[in-house]
Amino acid sequence: MKKVLLFLSIILLTTVGWAQSPEKMSYQAIVRDAKGNLVLNQQIGMRISIIQGSIDGNAVYSELQTPTTNSNGLVTMIIGTGVTSNDLASVDWTQGPYFIKM
């Protein structure tokens, strides 16, 4: 019985060790202009913000990226790799809810 409890304890501790906050997040979007037309094969500027508490809450993280859309208007980014003055890993995810603003 002691061996079973030891084994389960080790599994639990290992699992908790993997449950860490993200340092990067994948993001994809279809980009359209003001008239609703797809923006094809163009570099665009995007500001990404992580907002805490409510949609109108405070930005706890913000970055700027300049990705290029593909031939279908799709843009793919990794949030956490843009130009920023702070670190995505410093966001305290236990203090949510959080919203992503583009």
Protein backbone atom coordinates (compact mmCIF):
# COMPACT_ATOMS: atom_id res chain seq x y z
CA MET A 1 0.00 0.00 0.00
CA LYS A 2 2.86 2.38 0.80
CA LYS A 3 4.34 1.77 -2.64
CA VAL A 4 1.04 2.63 -4.33
CA LEU A 5 0.75 5.88 -2.34
CA LEU A 6 4.37 6.76 -3.14
CA PHE A 7 3.79 6.11 -6.83
CA LEU A 8 0.61 8.23 -6.89
CA SER A 9 2.38 11.04 -5.03
CA ILE A 10 5.20 11.07 -7.58
CA ILE A 11 2.72 11.16 -10.48
CA LEU A 12 0.81 14.03 -8.85
CA LEU A 13 3.95 16.08 -8.22
CA THR A 14 5.16 15.51 -11.78
CA THR A 15 1.81 16.64 -13.20
CA VAL A 16 1.79 19.81 -11.07
CA GLY A 17 5.29 20.62 -12.32
CA TRP A 18 4.03 20.71 -15.93
CA ALA A 19 1.12 23.05 -15.17
CA GLN A 20 2.92 26.33 -15.82
CA SER A 21 1.76 29.64 -17.24
CA PRO A 22 2.21 30.05 -21.00
CA GLU A 23 5.12 32.10 -22.27
CA LYS A 24 3.75 32.06 -25.82
CA MET A 25 0.33 31.51 -27.42
CA SER A 26 -0.55 30.70 -31.03
CA TYR A 27 -3.03 33.00 -32.73
CA GLN A 28 -4.62 33.01 -36.20
CA ALA A 29 -7.08 35.44 -37.76
CA ILE A 30 -8.60 36.38 -41.09
CA VAL A 31 -7.87 40.04 -41.85
CA ARG A 32 -10.38 42.25 -43.69
CA ASP A 33 -10.34 45.93 -44.56
CA ALA A 34 -13.05 48.47 -43.65
CA LYS A 35 -15.14 47.38 -46.66
CA GLY A 36 -15.01 43.72 -45.66
CA ASN A 37 -12.52 42.69 -48.36
CA LEU A 38 -9.76 40.23 -47.51
CA VAL A 39 -6.31 41.76 -47.02
CA LEU A 40 -4.12 39.49 -49.17
CA ASN A 41 -0.33 39.09 -49.06
CA GLN A 42 0.28 42.30 -47.13
CA GLN A 43 2.25 43.16 -44.04
CA ILE A 44 -0.02 44.55 -41.32
CA GLY A 45 0.51 46.03 -37.88
CA MET A 46 -1.25 44.50 -34.89
CA ARG A 47 -1.24 45.51 -31.24
CA ILE A 48 -2.10 42.64 -28.93
CA SER A 49 -3.13 43.32 -25.33
CA ILE A 50 -4.03 41.02 -22.45
CA ILE A 51 -6.78 42.77 -20.47
CA GLN A 52 -7.52 41.83 -16.85
CA GLY A 53 -10.89 41.74 -15.11
CA SER A 54 -13.30 42.86 -17.82
CA ILE A 55 -13.33 43.89 -21.46
CA ASP A 56 -12.67 47.47 -20.33
CA GLY A 57 -10.09 46.46 -17.70
CA ASN A 58 -6.40 47.28 -17.43
CA ALA A 59 -3.88 45.96 -19.93
CA VAL A 60 -1.39 43.76 -18.04
CA TYR A 61 0.54 42.89 -21.21
CA SER A 62 0.84 44.54 -24.61
CA GLU A 63 2.95 43.91 -27.71
CA LEU A 64 3.23 45.02 -31.32
CA GLN A 65 3.66 42.62 -34.26
CA THR A 66 3.91 43.13 -38.02
CA PRO A 67 2.92 39.80 -39.62
CA THR A 68 2.13 39.24 -43.31
CA THR A 69 -1.19 37.81 -44.44
CA ASN A 70 -1.24 34.89 -46.89
CA SER A 71 -3.17 34.53 -50.15
CA ASN A 72 -6.35 33.76 -48.17
CA GLY A 73 -6.08 36.72 -45.80
CA LEU A 74 -4.90 34.48 -42.93
CA VAL A 75 -2.35 35.78 -40.47
CA THR A 76 -0.55 33.49 -38.02
CA MET A 77 1.31 34.85 -34.98
CA ILE A 78 2.84 33.71 -31.74
CA ILE A 79 1.68 36.02 -28.95
CA GLY A 80 4.65 36.61 -26.67
CA THR A 81 7.22 37.15 -29.45
CA GLY A 82 6.37 40.72 -30.48
CA VAL A 83 7.95 44.03 -29.57
CA THR A 84 7.06 44.73 -25.95
CA SER A 85 8.35 46.36 -22.79
CA ASN A 86 7.10 43.60 -20.48
CA ASP A 87 7.03 39.80 -20.30
CA LEU A 88 4.05 37.50 -20.95
CA ALA A 89 5.39 35.08 -18.32
CA SER A 90 4.93 37.81 -15.68
CA VAL A 91 1.11 37.78 -16.07
CA ASP A 92 -0.48 36.30 -12.94
CA TRP A 93 -3.07 34.04 -14.58
CA THR A 94 -4.71 33.24 -11.22
CA GLN A 95 -6.04 36.82 -11.07
CA GLY A 96 -8.38 36.41 -14.10
CA PRO A 97 -10.54 36.55 -16.02
CA TYR A 98 -8.42 37.80 -18.91
CA PHE A 99 -9.38 38.97 -22.39
CA ILE A 100 -7.29 39.33 -25.57
CA LYS A 101 -7.68 42.61 -27.41
CA MET A 102 -6.43 42.96 -30.99
